[in-house]
């Protein structure tokens, strides 16, 4: 199932996640730190979505209360809840 998430409090503007049977099939992120986010999307591809949520939740960017990885965890949580 493909799910679109609009992150808040970070530089990225949109996250498209595809989760099937609890596994992350693909992640596309628009905006943000291009190299870092490309790396993160490659690392989580094929991973159990709950494992990625556990790893990424709560990561902060500088003094912000959230980060792109934390927002990706939120996107994955919502995708799982929708599926």
PDB file of N, CA and C in Angstrom:
ATOM      1  N   UNK A   1       0.833  -1.174   0.000  1.00  0.00           N
ATOM      2  CA  UNK A   1       0.000   0.000   0.000  1.00  0.00           C
ATOM      3  C   UNK A   1       0.885   1.247   0.000  1.00  0.00           C
ATOM      4  N   UNK A   2       0.599   2.141  -0.896  1.00  0.00           N
ATOM      5  CA  UNK A   2       1.352   3.392  -0.979  1.00  0.00           C
ATOM      6  C   UNK A   2       0.650   4.433  -0.120  1.00  0.00           C
ATOM      7  N   UNK A   3       1.446   5.135   0.683  1.00  0.00           N
ATOM      8  CA  UNK A   3       0.911   6.129   1.606  1.00  0.00           C
ATOM      9  C   UNK A   3       1.738   7.405   1.476  1.00  0.00           C
ATOM     10  N   UNK A   4       1.062   8.559   1.392  1.00  0.00           N
ATOM     11  CA  UNK A   4       1.741   9.856   1.324  1.00  0.00           C
ATOM     12  C   UNK A   4       1.594  10.566   2.652  1.00  0.00           C
ATOM     13  N   UNK A   5       2.706  11.057   3.162  1.00  0.00           N
ATOM     14  CA  UNK A   5       2.754  11.746   4.447  1.00  0.00           C
ATOM     15  C   UNK A   5       3.382  13.116   4.244  1.00  0.00           C
ATOM     16  N   UNK A   6       2.803  14.144   4.864  1.00  0.00           N
ATOM     17  CA  UNK A   6       3.356  15.500   4.798  1.00  0.00           C
ATOM     18  C   UNK A   6       4.018  15.796   6.140  1.00  0.00           C
ATOM     19  N   UNK A   7       5.357  15.763   6.167  1.00  0.00           N
ATOM     20  CA  UNK A   7       6.077  15.952   7.427  1.00  0.00           C
ATOM     21  C   UNK A   7       5.943  17.367   7.974  1.00  0.00           C
ATOM     22  N   UNK A   8       6.125  17.483   9.277  1.00  0.00           N
ATOM     23  CA  UNK A   8       6.044  18.783   9.959  1.00  0.00           C
ATOM     24  C   UNK A   8       7.332  19.048  10.738  1.00  0.00           C
ATOM     25  N   UNK A   9       7.774  20.304  10.691  1.00  0.00           N
ATOM     26  CA  UNK A   9       8.925  20.718  11.489  1.00  0.00           C
ATOM     27  C   UNK A   9      10.270  20.334  10.928  1.00  0.00           C
ATOM     28  N   UNK A  10      10.316  19.901   9.662  1.00  0.00           N
ATOM     29  CA  UNK A  10      11.574  19.492   9.038  1.00  0.00           C
ATOM     30  C   UNK A  10      11.669  20.081   7.630  1.00  0.00           C
ATOM     31  N   UNK A  11      12.808  19.887   6.993  1.00  0.00           N
ATOM     32  CA  UNK A  11      13.029  20.441   5.655  1.00  0.00           C
ATOM     33  C   UNK A  11      12.325  19.659   4.559  1.00  0.00           C
ATOM     34  N   UNK A  12      12.140  18.364   4.744  1.00  0.00           N
ATOM     35  CA  UNK A  12      11.463  17.587   3.705  1.00  0.00           C
ATOM     36  C   UNK A  12       9.995  17.992   3.631  1.00  0.00           C
ATOM     37  N   UNK A  13       9.435  17.865   2.418  1.00  0.00           N
ATOM     38  CA  UNK A  13       8.072  18.350   2.180  1.00  0.00           C
ATOM     39  C   UNK A  13       7.048  17.238   1.965  1.00  0.00           C
ATOM     40  N   UNK A  14       7.514  16.057   1.557  1.00  0.00           N
ATOM     41  CA  UNK A  14       6.590  14.955   1.324  1.00  0.00           C
ATOM     42  C   UNK A  14       7.342  13.630   1.428  1.00  0.00           C
ATOM     43  N   UNK A  15       6.656  12.643   1.982  1.00  0.00           N
ATOM     44  CA  UNK A  15       7.211  11.296   2.074  1.00  0.00           C
ATOM     45  C   UNK A  15       6.192  10.321   1.517  1.00  0.00           C
ATOM     46  N   UNK A  16       6.615   9.538   0.539  1.00  0.00           N
ATOM     47  CA  UNK A  16       5.772   8.486  -0.035  1.00  0.00           C
ATOM     48  C   UNK A  16       6.368   7.153   0.384  1.00  0.00           C
ATOM     49  N   UNK A  17       5.589   6.370   1.112  1.00  0.00           N
ATOM     50  CA  UNK A  17       6.059   5.066   1.571  1.00  0.00           C
ATOM     51  C   UNK A  17       5.163   3.974   0.997  1.00  0.00           C
ATOM     52  N   UNK A  18       5.771   2.875   0.639  1.00  0.00           N
ATOM     53  CA  UNK A  18       5.038   1.719   0.145  1.00  0.00           C
ATOM     54  C   UNK A  18       5.338   0.566   1.088  1.00  0.00           C
ATOM     55  N   UNK A  19       4.318   0.135   1.834  1.00  0.00           N
ATOM     56  CA  UNK A  19       4.469  -0.938   2.814  1.00  0.00           C
ATOM     57  C   UNK A  19       3.535  -2.078   2.410  1.00  0.00           C
ATOM     58  N   UNK A  20       4.093  -3.274   2.353  1.00  0.00           N
ATOM     59  CA  UNK A  20       3.310  -4.450   1.985  1.00  0.00           C
ATOM     60  C   UNK A  20       3.616  -5.578   2.966  1.00  0.00           C
ATOM     61  N   UNK A  21       2.577  -6.114   3.583  1.00  0.00           N
ATOM     62  CA  UNK A  21       2.720  -7.190   4.562  1.00  0.00           C
ATOM     63  C   UNK A  21       3.718  -6.832   5.667  1.00  0.00           C
ATOM     64  N   UNK A  22       3.697  -5.569   6.088  1.00  0.00           N
ATOM     65  CA  UNK A  22       4.560  -5.124   7.176  1.00  0.00           C
ATOM     66  C   UNK A  22       5.990  -4.823   6.785  1.00  0.00           C
ATOM     67  N   UNK A  23       6.323  -4.980   5.517  1.00  0.00           N
ATOM     68  CA  UNK A  23       7.682  -4.715   5.016  1.00  0.00           C
ATOM     69  C   UNK A  23       7.694  -3.451   4.169  1.00  0.00           C
ATOM     70  N   UNK A  24       8.772  -2.701   4.288  1.00  0.00           N
ATOM     71  CA  UNK A  24       8.935  -1.475   3.504  1.00  0.00           C
ATOM     72  C   UNK A  24       9.405  -1.859   2.107  1.00  0.00           C
ATOM     73  N   UNK A  25       8.592  -1.570   1.110  1.00  0.00           N
ATOM     74  CA  UNK A  25       8.954  -1.861  -0.275  1.00  0.00           C
ATOM     75  C   UNK A  25       9.731  -0.698  -0.881  1.00  0.00           C
ATOM     76  N   UNK A  26       9.302   0.537  -0.589  1.00  0.00           N
ATOM     77  CA  UNK A  26      10.023   1.702  -1.109  1.00  0.00           C
ATOM     78  C   UNK A  26       9.678   2.930  -0.285  1.00  0.00           C
ATOM     79  N   UNK A  27      10.582   3.901  -0.323  1.00  0.00           N
ATOM     80  CA  UNK A  27      10.392   5.198   0.329  1.00  0.00           C
ATOM     81  C   UNK A  27      10.949   6.258  -0.611  1.00  0.00           C
ATOM     82  N   UNK A  28      10.160   7.304  -0.848  1.00  0.00           N
ATOM     83  CA  UNK A  28      10.615   8.459  -1.619  1.00  0.00           C
ATOM     84  C   UNK A  28      10.369   9.694  -0.773  1.00  0.00           C
ATOM     85  N   UNK A  29      11.404  10.542  -0.659  1.00  0.00           N
ATOM     86  CA  UNK A  29      11.292  11.758   0.149  1.00  0.00           C
ATOM     87  C   UNK A  29      11.622  12.955  -0.713  1.00  0.00           C
ATOM     88  N   UNK A  30      10.725  13.934  -0.705  1.00  0.00           N
ATOM     89  CA  UNK A  30      10.915  15.165  -1.472  1.00  0.00           C
ATOM     90  C   UNK A  30      11.411  16.248  -0.530  1.00  0.00           C
ATOM     91  N   UNK A  31      12.531  16.848  -0.874  1.00  0.00           N
ATOM     92  CA  UNK A  31      13.114  17.897  -0.041  1.00  0.00           C
ATOM     93  C   UNK A  31      14.023  17.300   1.025  1.00  0.00           C
ATOM     94  N   UNK A  32      14.575  18.155   1.850  1.00  0.00           N
ATOM     95  CA  UNK A  32      15.458  17.701   2.917  1.00  0.00           C
ATOM     96  C   UNK A  32      16.888  17.541   2.448  1.00  0.00           C
ATOM     97  N   UNK A  33      17.703  16.928   3.269  1.00  0.00           N
ATOM     98  CA  UNK A  33      19.124  16.699   2.975  1.00  0.00           C
ATOM     99  C   UNK A  33      19.246  15.510   2.031  1.00  0.00           C
ATOM    100  N   UNK A  34      19.421  15.791   0.771  1.00  0.00           N
ATOM    101  CA  UNK A  34      19.320  14.799  -0.293  1.00  0.00           C
ATOM    102  C   UNK A  34      20.155  13.543  -0.042  1.00  0.00           C
ATOM    103  N   UNK A  35      21.425  13.687   0.205  1.00  0.00           N
ATOM    104  CA  UNK A  35      22.297  12.518   0.379  1.00  0.00           C
ATOM    105  C   UNK A  35      21.921  11.687   1.583  1.00  0.00           C
ATOM    106  N   UNK A  36      21.688  12.339   2.702  1.00  0.00           N
ATOM    107  CA  UNK A  36      21.321  11.607   3.917  1.00  0.00           C
ATOM    108  C   UNK A  36      20.009  10.846   3.729  1.00  0.00           C
ATOM    109  N   UNK A  37      19.026  11.496   3.122  1.00  0.00           N
ATOM    110  CA  UNK A  37      17.735  10.853   2.957  1.00  0.00           C
ATOM    111  C   UNK A  37      17.774   9.737   1.925  1.00  0.00           C
ATOM    112  N   UNK A  38      18.606   9.873   0.900  1.00  0.00           N
ATOM    113  CA  UNK A  38      18.775   8.771  -0.047  1.00  0.00           C
ATOM    114  C   UNK A  38      19.374   7.569   0.667  1.00  0.00           C
ATOM    115  N   UNK A  39      20.330   7.824   1.548  1.00  0.00           N
ATOM    116  CA  UNK A  39      20.941   6.738   2.320  1.00  0.00           C
ATOM    117  C   UNK A  39      19.939   6.054   3.230  1.00  0.00           C
ATOM    118  N   UNK A  40      19.142   6.832   3.929  1.00  0.00           N
ATOM    119  CA  UNK A  40      18.141   6.267   4.835  1.00  0.00           C
ATOM    120  C   UNK A  40      17.133   5.432   4.059  1.00  0.00           C
ATOM    121  N   UNK A  41      16.667   5.945   2.918  1.00  0.00           N
ATOM    122  CA  UNK A  41      15.663   5.194   2.153  1.00  0.00           C
ATOM    123  C   UNK A  41      16.226   3.863   1.659  1.00  0.00           C
ATOM    124  N   UNK A  42      17.502   3.828   1.283  1.00  0.00           N
ATOM    125  CA  UNK A  42      18.128   2.572   0.856  1.00  0.00           C
ATOM    126  C   UNK A  42      18.258   1.602   2.036  1.00  0.00           C
ATOM    127  N   UNK A  43      18.607   2.128   3.194  1.00  0.00           N
ATOM    128  CA  UNK A  43      18.796   1.268   4.368  1.00  0.00           C
ATOM    129  C   UNK A  43      17.498   0.625   4.844  1.00  0.00           C
ATOM    130  N   UNK A  44      16.383   1.345   4.762  1.00  0.00           N
ATOM    131  CA  UNK A  44      15.130   0.797   5.280  1.00  0.00           C
ATOM    132  C   UNK A  44      14.379  -0.059   4.256  1.00  0.00           C
ATOM    133  N   UNK A  45      14.748   0.020   2.988  1.00  0.00           N
ATOM    134  CA  UNK A  45      14.057  -0.760   1.958  1.00  0.00           C
ATOM    135  C   UNK A  45      14.196  -2.248   2.267  1.00  0.00           C
ATOM    136  N   UNK A  46      13.071  -2.952   2.317  1.00  0.00           N
ATOM    137  CA  UNK A  46      13.057  -4.372   2.634  1.00  0.00           C
ATOM    138  C   UNK A  46      12.974  -4.677   4.122  1.00  0.00           C
ATOM    139  N   UNK A  47      13.138  -3.650   4.953  1.00  0.00           N
ATOM    140  CA  UNK A  47      13.115  -3.810   6.402  1.00  0.00           C
ATOM    141  C   UNK A  47      11.684  -3.940   6.910  1.00  0.00           C
ATOM    142  N   UNK A  48      11.527  -4.659   8.003  1.00  0.00           N
ATOM    143  CA  UNK A  48      10.249  -4.696   8.681  1.00  0.00           C
ATOM    144  C   UNK A  48       9.900  -3.280   9.123  1.00  0.00           C
ATOM    145  N   UNK A  49       8.696  -2.816   8.803  1.00  0.00           N
ATOM    146  CA  UNK A  49       8.311  -1.433   9.094  1.00  0.00           C
ATOM    147  C   UNK A  49       8.384  -1.127  10.586  1.00  0.00           C
ATOM    148  N   UNK A  50       7.977  -2.058  11.421  1.00  0.00           N
ATOM    149  CA  UNK A  50       8.016  -1.810  12.867  1.00  0.00           C
ATOM    150  C   UNK A  50       9.448  -1.659  13.359  1.00  0.00           C
ATOM    151  N   UNK A  51      10.369  -2.423  12.806  1.00  0.00           N
ATOM    152  CA  UNK A  51      11.794  -2.301  13.165  1.00  0.00           C
ATOM    153  C   UNK A  51      12.308  -0.907  12.802  1.00  0.00           C
ATOM    154  N   UNK A  52      11.959  -0.414  11.608  1.00  0.00           N
ATOM    155  CA  UNK A  52      12.381   0.928  11.190  1.00  0.00           C
ATOM    156  C   UNK A  52      11.777   1.989  12.109  1.00  0.00           C
ATOM    157  N   UNK A  53      10.520   1.815  12.480  1.00  0.00           N
ATOM    158  CA  UNK A  53       9.870   2.757  13.399  1.00  0.00           C
ATOM    159  C   UNK A  53      10.624   2.796  14.725  1.00  0.00           C
ATOM    160  N   UNK A  54      10.958   1.621  15.253  1.00  0.00           N
ATOM    161  CA  UNK A  54      11.684   1.541  16.522  1.00  0.00           C
ATOM    162  C   UNK A  54      13.048   2.224  16.440  1.00  0.00           C
ATOM    163  N   UNK A  55      13.736   2.062  15.316  1.00  0.00           N
ATOM    164  CA  UNK A  55      15.072   2.650  15.147  1.00  0.00           C
ATOM    165  C   UNK A  55      15.042   4.161  14.938  1.00  0.00           C
ATOM    166  N   UNK A  56      14.041   4.659  14.215  1.00  0.00           N
ATOM    167  CA  UNK A  56      14.038   6.061  13.796  1.00  0.00           C
ATOM    168  C   UNK A  56      13.259   7.002  14.717  1.00  0.00           C
ATOM    169  N   UNK A  57      12.337   6.462  15.483  1.00  0.00           N
ATOM    170  CA  UNK A  57      11.508   7.307  16.358  1.00  0.00           C
ATOM    171  C   UNK A  57      12.354   8.053  17.384  1.00  0.00           C
ATOM    172  N   UNK A  58      12.045   9.322  17.527  1.00  0.00           N
ATOM    173  CA  UNK A  58      12.695  10.132  18.554  1.00  0.00           C
ATOM    174  C   UNK A  58      14.006  10.782  18.159  1.00  0.00           C
ATOM    175  N   UNK A  59      14.501  10.511  16.957  1.00  0.00           N
ATOM    176  CA  UNK A  59      15.735  11.163  16.501  1.00  0.00           C
ATOM    177  C   UNK A  59      15.444  12.638  16.284  1.00  0.00           C
ATOM    178  N   UNK A  60      16.344  13.470  16.765  1.00  0.00           N
ATOM    179  CA  UNK A  60      16.167  14.917  16.639  1.00  0.00           C
ATOM    180  C   UNK A  60      17.201  15.493  15.683  1.00  0.00           C
ATOM    181  N   UNK A  61      16.865  16.623  15.079  1.00  0.00           N
ATOM    182  CA  UNK A  61      17.778  17.342  14.190  1.00  0.00           C
ATOM    183  C   UNK A  61      18.163  18.645  14.889  1.00  0.00           C
ATOM    184  N   UNK A  62      19.381  18.707  15.374  1.00  0.00           N
ATOM    185  CA  UNK A  62      19.821  19.907  16.094  1.00  0.00           C
ATOM    186  C   UNK A  62      18.930  20.182  17.287  1.00  0.00           C
ATOM    187  N   UNK A  63      18.397  21.384  17.340  1.00  0.00           N
ATOM    188  CA  UNK A  63      17.540  21.783  18.452  1.00  0.00           C
ATOM    189  C   UNK A  63      16.053  21.543  18.173  1.00  0.00           C
ATOM    190  N   UNK A  64      15.749  21.004  16.997  1.00  0.00           N
ATOM    191  CA  UNK A  64      14.354  20.714  16.654  1.00  0.00           C
ATOM    192  C   UNK A  64      13.850  19.536  17.488  1.00  0.00           C
ATOM    193  N   UNK A  65      12.558  19.484  17.679  1.00  0.00           N
ATOM    194  CA  UNK A  65      11.946  18.387  18.430  1.00  0.00           C
ATOM    195  C   UNK A  65      11.805  17.119  17.599  1.00  0.00           C
ATOM    196  N   UNK A  66      12.074  17.212  16.294  1.00  0.00           N
ATOM    197  CA  UNK A  66      11.901  16.091  15.382  1.00  0.00           C
ATOM    198  C   UNK A  66      13.020  16.117  14.348  1.00  0.00           C
ATOM    199  N   UNK A  67      12.953  15.206  13.401  1.00  0.00           N
ATOM    200  CA  UNK A  67      13.924  15.127  12.311  1.00  0.00           C
ATOM    201  C   UNK A  67      13.253  14.405  11.150  1.00  0.00           C
ATOM    202  N   UNK A  68      13.906  14.364  10.014  1.00  0.00           N
ATOM    203  CA  UNK A  68      13.342  13.613   8.889  1.00  0.00           C
ATOM    204  C   UNK A  68      13.221  12.119   9.223  1.00  0.00           C
ATOM    205  N   UNK A  69      14.225  11.494   9.874  1.00  0.00           N
ATOM    206  CA  UNK A  69      14.039  10.097  10.260  1.00  0.00           C
ATOM    207  C   UNK A  69      12.856   9.899  11.219  1.00  0.00           C
ATOM    208  N   UNK A  70      12.688  10.798  12.175  1.00  0.00           N
ATOM    209  CA  UNK A  70      11.563  10.721  13.103  1.00  0.00           C
ATOM    210  C   UNK A  70      10.243  10.880  12.350  1.00  0.00           C
ATOM    211  N   UNK A  71      10.201  11.784  11.389  1.00  0.00           N
ATOM    212  CA  UNK A  71       9.000  11.976  10.588  1.00  0.00           C
ATOM    213  C   UNK A  71       8.731  10.760   9.702  1.00  0.00           C
ATOM    214  N   UNK A  72       9.789  10.114   9.221  1.00  0.00           N
ATOM    215  CA  UNK A  72       9.616   8.887   8.450  1.00  0.00           C
ATOM    216  C   UNK A  72       8.999   7.798   9.328  1.00  0.00           C
ATOM    217  N   UNK A  73       9.425   7.728  10.579  1.00  0.00           N
ATOM    218  CA  UNK A  73       8.825   6.767  11.516  1.00  0.00           C
ATOM    219  C   UNK A  73       7.333   7.044  11.671  1.00  0.00           C
ATOM    220  N   UNK A  74       6.963   8.305  11.767  1.00  0.00           N
ATOM    221  CA  UNK A  74       5.545   8.671  11.876  1.00  0.00           C
ATOM    222  C   UNK A  74       4.783   8.283  10.607  1.00  0.00           C
ATOM    223  N   UNK A  75       5.403   8.491   9.451  1.00  0.00           N
ATOM    224  CA  UNK A  75       4.772   8.117   8.180  1.00  0.00           C
ATOM    225  C   UNK A  75       4.545   6.606   8.125  1.00  0.00           C
ATOM    226  N   UNK A  76       5.546   5.849   8.546  1.00  0.00           N
ATOM    227  CA  UNK A  76       5.419   4.395   8.543  1.00  0.00           C
ATOM    228  C   UNK A  76       4.345   3.928   9.517  1.00  0.00           C
ATOM    229  N   UNK A  77       4.280   4.551  10.685  1.00  0.00           N
ATOM    230  CA  UNK A  77       3.256   4.199  11.675  1.00  0.00           C
ATOM    231  C   UNK A  77       1.863   4.435  11.096  1.00  0.00           C
ATOM    232  N   UNK A  78       1.677   5.585  10.437  1.00  0.00           N
ATOM    233  CA  UNK A  78       0.370   5.879   9.854  1.00  0.00           C
ATOM    234  C   UNK A  78       0.053   4.916   8.716  1.00  0.00           C
ATOM    235  N   UNK A  79       1.065   4.556   7.924  1.00  0.00           N
ATOM    236  CA  UNK A  79       0.844   3.606   6.839  1.00  0.00           C
ATOM    237  C   UNK A  79       0.417   2.249   7.397  1.00  0.00           C
ATOM    238  N   UNK A  80       1.047   1.810   8.473  1.00  0.00           N
ATOM    239  CA  UNK A  80       0.661   0.537   9.090  1.00  0.00           C
ATOM    240  C   UNK A  80      -0.753   0.609   9.649  1.00  0.00           C
ATOM    241  N   UNK A  81      -1.087   1.738  10.262  1.00  0.00           N
ATOM    242  CA  UNK A  81      -2.421   1.916  10.834  1.00  0.00           C
ATOM    243  C   UNK A  81      -3.500   1.934   9.743  1.00  0.00           C
ATOM    244  N   UNK A  82      -3.150   2.459   8.562  1.00  0.00           N
ATOM    245  CA  UNK A  82      -4.111   2.526   7.450  1.00  0.00           C
ATOM    246  C   UNK A  82      -4.312   1.158   6.798  1.00  0.00           C
ATOM    247  N   UNK A  83      -3.251   0.343   6.835  1.00  0.00           N
ATOM    248  CA  UNK A  83      -3.291  -0.960   6.151  1.00  0.00           C
ATOM    249  C   UNK A  83      -3.963  -1.962   6.946  1.00  0.00           C
TER     250      UNK A  83
END
